[in-house]
Amino acid sequence: MSLREVLGRADCAKLLDELPAKELNFDPDRRAEFIPDYGWRFDFYRQPLPGEPPGPPVPDGSWETARLLMRDYEFVEPSIVRAFFRADAPLEGRNMLLEARFLGLHFYLGVRVVAVIDETREEDGRRARVWGWSYATLEDHLEMGQMDYEVWKWLDAGGVEFRIHAFSRVAHISNPLVRLGFHLFGRGQQKRFARLACERMARLNAASADRGAFEALRTTA
């Protein structure tokens, strides 16, 4: 959701305006320390999508549809997370305000897009066309870490898949009730977020051949 769609919510607009001044709440250059002994978790999700003929991605095909949904963060289940950002800003460097909902509570969390990739890769001797982007957590986020979202197309057979990679750990949470709640439910919500994102991406992609159904699903809250 872009800022122009939520101008009536002054709190979100104000919080979004404050994000450029915030720094990441972890140091990406200290990757050697991102290990389970220090509380870091690593996740990897793969969601098959409708295939295409072998070769480069086809216009309006599964790969291009996934790229469209990823660019505007529409693959995320809006009942648990909404994103506010300036749609006219470049994707790389984009500041995003995430509104996370849980048990009637709303948490406003800042992230920044730190990388955009558009390349051909080789994995297990196979070549794939890959597009995606990554965001990292900003100061005052409940977590520290980064999430990578990618869509892959295998050039030899035409298979398409959506991938989520993440590394994270709990940030310092000053509020004791929020700290307790995150300790009890945070990991479960983290996994639920990724699982529902994969499922929504698959539903939207499968519906893309029916433009009316596709647009209805895209706007489902």
Protein backbone atom coordinates (compact mmCIF):
# COMPACT_ATOMS: atom_id res chain seq x y z
CA MET A 1 0.00 0.00 0.00
CA SER A 2 1.44 3.37 -0.97
CA LEU A 3 1.44 6.51 1.15
CA ARG A 4 -0.99 8.23 -1.18
CA GLU A 5 -3.60 5.65 -0.24
CA VAL A 6 -3.35 6.33 3.51
CA LEU A 7 -2.99 10.09 3.82
CA GLY A 8 -5.89 10.07 6.26
CA ARG A 9 -3.75 8.10 8.72
CA ALA A 10 -1.49 10.87 9.95
CA ASP A 11 0.28 8.56 12.39
CA CYS A 12 1.50 6.27 9.61
CA ALA A 13 2.54 9.20 7.43
CA LYS A 14 4.50 10.72 10.30
CA LEU A 15 6.21 7.46 11.18
CA LEU A 16 7.09 6.88 7.53
CA ASP A 17 8.63 10.35 7.31
CA GLU A 18 10.88 9.51 10.27
CA LEU A 19 12.35 6.34 8.74
CA PRO A 20 15.07 7.92 6.54
CA ALA A 21 16.82 9.17 9.70
CA LYS A 22 16.91 5.72 11.28
CA GLU A 23 19.87 3.37 11.02
CA LEU A 24 19.84 -0.41 10.71
CA ASN A 25 19.57 -2.00 14.16
CA PHE A 26 22.34 -4.52 13.40
CA ASP A 27 25.68 -4.49 11.62
CA PRO A 28 25.54 -6.49 8.34
CA ASP A 29 29.36 -6.54 8.23
CA ARG A 30 29.47 -8.79 11.31
CA ARG A 31 27.96 -11.79 9.51
CA ALA A 32 30.50 -14.12 11.08
CA GLU A 33 28.71 -13.55 14.40
CA PHE A 34 25.26 -14.42 13.03
CA ILE A 35 25.15 -17.92 14.50
CA PRO A 36 22.59 -19.83 16.59
CA ASP A 37 24.81 -19.53 19.69
CA TYR A 38 24.13 -15.78 19.59
CA GLY A 39 20.40 -16.19 19.08
CA TRP A 40 20.28 -15.92 15.29
CA ARG A 41 17.75 -17.98 13.33
CA PHE A 42 17.82 -18.86 9.65
CA ASP A 43 14.80 -19.67 7.50
CA PHE A 44 14.34 -20.78 3.91
CA TYR A 45 11.00 -21.22 2.15
CA ARG A 46 10.31 -22.36 -1.43
CA GLN A 47 6.92 -22.05 -3.11
CA PRO A 48 6.39 -23.64 -6.55
CA LEU A 49 4.49 -21.44 -9.00
CA PRO A 50 2.92 -22.24 -12.38
CA GLY A 51 5.60 -23.23 -14.86
CA GLU A 52 6.46 -21.70 -18.21
CA PRO A 53 8.07 -23.01 -21.42
CA PRO A 54 11.85 -23.44 -21.18
CA GLY A 55 13.94 -20.35 -21.85
CA PRO A 56 13.67 -16.75 -20.61
CA PRO A 57 10.57 -15.56 -18.71
CA VAL A 58 7.58 -14.99 -20.99
CA PRO A 59 5.57 -11.73 -21.01
CA ASP A 60 2.74 -11.78 -18.42
CA GLY A 61 3.80 -15.27 -17.36
CA SER A 62 4.22 -16.72 -13.91
CA TRP A 63 7.69 -15.23 -13.35
CA GLU A 64 6.65 -11.73 -14.44
CA THR A 65 3.48 -11.91 -12.33
CA ALA A 66 5.49 -12.85 -9.26
CA ARG A 67 7.88 -9.99 -9.94
CA LEU A 68 4.95 -7.55 -10.12
CA LEU A 69 3.54 -8.80 -6.82
CA MET A 70 6.96 -8.67 -5.15
CA ARG A 71 7.73 -5.16 -6.33
CA ASP A 72 4.68 -3.73 -4.56
CA TYR A 73 4.78 -6.16 -1.61
CA GLU A 74 1.38 -7.56 -2.53
CA PHE A 75 2.26 -11.17 -1.80
CA VAL A 76 2.09 -10.55 1.95
CA GLU A 77 -1.12 -11.53 3.75
CA PRO A 78 -2.70 -8.11 4.51
CA SER A 79 -4.66 -9.38 7.51
CA ILE A 80 -1.41 -9.71 9.46
CA VAL A 81 1.00 -7.24 7.82
CA ARG A 82 0.45 -4.08 5.77
CA ALA A 83 3.22 -1.99 4.27
CA PHE A 84 3.26 1.77 3.75
CA PHE A 85 5.79 3.32 1.40
CA ARG A 86 6.17 5.92 -1.32
CA ALA A 87 5.29 4.15 -4.54
CA ASP A 88 7.21 6.67 -6.65
CA ALA A 89 10.50 6.07 -4.81
CA PRO A 90 13.11 3.71 -6.30
CA LEU A 91 12.85 0.18 -4.98
CA GLU A 92 16.47 0.06 -3.80
CA GLY A 93 16.73 2.23 -0.70
CA ARG A 94 12.95 2.28 -0.21
CA ASN A 95 11.88 2.88 3.40
CA MET A 96 8.85 0.84 4.40
CA LEU A 97 6.65 1.07 7.47
CA LEU A 98 5.22 -2.35 8.30
CA GLU A 99 2.04 -2.49 10.34
CA ALA A 100 2.00 -5.91 12.02
CA ARG A 101 -1.25 -7.05 13.63
CA PHE A 102 -1.55 -9.63 16.37
CA LEU A 103 -4.31 -10.24 18.94
CA GLY A 104 -5.83 -6.83 18.25
CA LEU A 105 -2.51 -5.02 18.70
CA HIS A 106 -0.74 -3.01 16.00
CA PHE A 107 3.05 -2.75 15.84
CA TYR A 108 4.72 -0.25 13.50
CA LEU A 109 8.11 -1.49 12.33
CA GLY A 110 10.59 0.17 9.99
CA VAL A 111 12.60 -1.64 7.32
CA ARG A 112 14.75 -0.50 4.38
CA VAL A 113 15.36 -2.18 1.02
CA VAL A 114 19.11 -2.76 0.99
CA ALA A 115 19.54 -4.76 -2.24
CA VAL A 116 17.82 -5.47 -5.55
CA ILE A 117 19.05 -8.34 -7.71
CA ASP A 118 18.34 -9.09 -11.38
CA GLU A 119 20.63 -11.77 -12.75
CA THR A 120 21.15 -15.29 -14.06
CA ARG A 121 22.48 -17.76 -11.49
CA GLU A 122 23.69 -21.32 -11.54
CA GLU A 123 22.64 -23.83 -8.89
CA ASP A 124 23.47 -27.54 -8.99
CA GLY A 125 24.59 -27.15 -12.58
CA ARG A 126 21.34 -25.52 -13.71
CA ARG A 127 20.86 -21.93 -14.79
CA ALA A 128 18.01 -19.79 -13.49
CA ARG A 129 16.77 -16.27 -14.10
CA VAL A 130 16.44 -14.59 -10.70
CA TRP A 131 14.86 -11.30 -9.62
CA GLY A 132 14.34 -10.11 -6.08
CA TRP A 133 15.08 -7.72 -3.28
CA SER A 134 15.99 -7.65 0.40
CA TYR A 135 15.01 -5.49 3.33
CA ALA A 136 16.77 -5.03 6.65
CA THR A 137 15.37 -3.96 10.01
CA LEU A 138 15.71 -0.42 11.33
CA GLU A 139 16.00 1.02 14.84
CA ASP A 140 13.00 0.27 17.10
CA HIS A 141 12.08 -2.89 15.20
CA LEU A 142 11.22 -5.89 17.39
CA GLU A 143 13.72 -8.00 15.47
CA MET A 144 17.15 -7.61 13.92
CA GLY A 145 17.93 -9.09 10.55
CA GLN A 146 17.12 -9.30 6.88
CA MET A 147 14.59 -10.95 4.58
CA ASP A 148 15.30 -11.79 0.94
CA TYR A 149 12.47 -12.32 -1.54
CA GLU A 150 13.28 -13.90 -4.92
CA VAL A 151 11.49 -15.39 -7.93
CA TRP A 152 13.42 -18.03 -9.87
CA LYS A 153 12.84 -19.50 -13.33
CA TRP A 154 14.83 -22.56 -14.36
CA LEU A 155 15.82 -21.94 -17.95
CA ASP A 156 16.18 -25.62 -18.90
CA ALA A 157 12.72 -26.88 -17.90
CA GLY A 158 10.68 -23.73 -17.24
CA GLY A 159 9.92 -24.32 -13.56
CA VAL A 160 9.17 -21.18 -11.52
CA GLU A 161 9.38 -20.75 -7.76
CA PHE A 162 9.15 -18.05 -5.10
CA ARG A 163 11.79 -18.08 -2.37
CA ILE A 164 12.12 -16.42 1.01
CA HIS A 165 15.45 -16.38 2.86
CA ALA A 166 15.72 -14.80 6.29
CA PHE A 167 18.14 -14.40 9.16
CA SER A 168 16.99 -12.76 12.36
CA ARG A 169 17.14 -12.55 16.11
CA VAL A 170 15.09 -10.74 18.74
CA ALA A 171 16.02 -7.09 19.25
CA HIS A 172 16.06 -5.29 22.59
CA ILE A 173 12.43 -4.72 23.61
CA SER A 174 12.07 -2.28 26.49
CA ASN A 175 8.37 -2.87 27.20
CA PRO A 176 8.19 -5.96 29.47
CA LEU A 177 4.73 -7.01 28.29
CA VAL A 178 5.69 -6.74 24.63
CA ARG A 179 8.95 -8.56 25.39
CA LEU A 180 7.04 -11.42 27.05
CA GLY A 181 4.49 -11.58 24.24
CA PHE A 182 7.21 -11.67 21.60
CA HIS A 183 9.04 -14.37 23.51
CA LEU A 184 5.88 -16.51 23.61
CA PHE A 185 4.45 -15.84 20.17
CA GLY A 186 7.07 -14.09 18.03
CA ARG A 187 8.63 -17.17 16.45
CA GLY A 188 5.26 -18.67 15.61
CA GLN A 189 4.12 -15.42 14.01
CA GLN A 190 7.37 -15.19 12.07
CA LYS A 191 6.81 -18.63 10.56
CA ARG A 192 3.12 -17.89 9.93
CA PHE A 193 4.03 -14.70 8.08
CA ALA A 194 6.32 -16.56 5.67
CA ARG A 195 3.94 -19.49 5.18
CA LEU A 196 0.99 -17.23 4.39
CA ALA A 197 3.13 -15.11 2.06
CA CYS A 198 4.02 -18.22 0.07
CA GLU A 199 0.39 -19.34 -0.05
CA ARG A 200 -0.87 -15.92 -1.12
CA MET A 201 1.79 -15.66 -3.82
CA ALA A 202 0.66 -19.04 -5.19
CA ARG A 203 -3.05 -18.09 -5.11
CA LEU A 204 -2.47 -14.75 -6.82
CA ASN A 205 -0.22 -16.24 -9.44
CA ALA A 206 -2.65 -19.05 -10.22
CA ALA A 207 -5.47 -16.51 -10.59
CA SER A 208 -3.53 -14.20 -12.89
CA ALA A 209 -5.04 -15.74 -16.06
CA ASP A 210 -8.44 -14.42 -14.90
CA ARG A 211 -7.88 -10.67 -14.67
CA GLY A 212 -11.05 -10.04 -12.62
CA ALA A 213 -10.24 -12.75 -10.06
CA PHE A 214 -6.63 -11.59 -9.94
CA GLU A 215 -7.52 -7.98 -9.18
CA ALA A 216 -10.07 -9.05 -6.57
CA LEU A 217 -7.49 -11.17 -4.76
CA ARG A 218 -4.87 -8.39 -4.94
CA THR A 219 -7.17 -6.02 -3.06
CA THR A 220 -8.40 -8.54 -0.49
CA ALA A 221 -7.61 -7.31 3.03
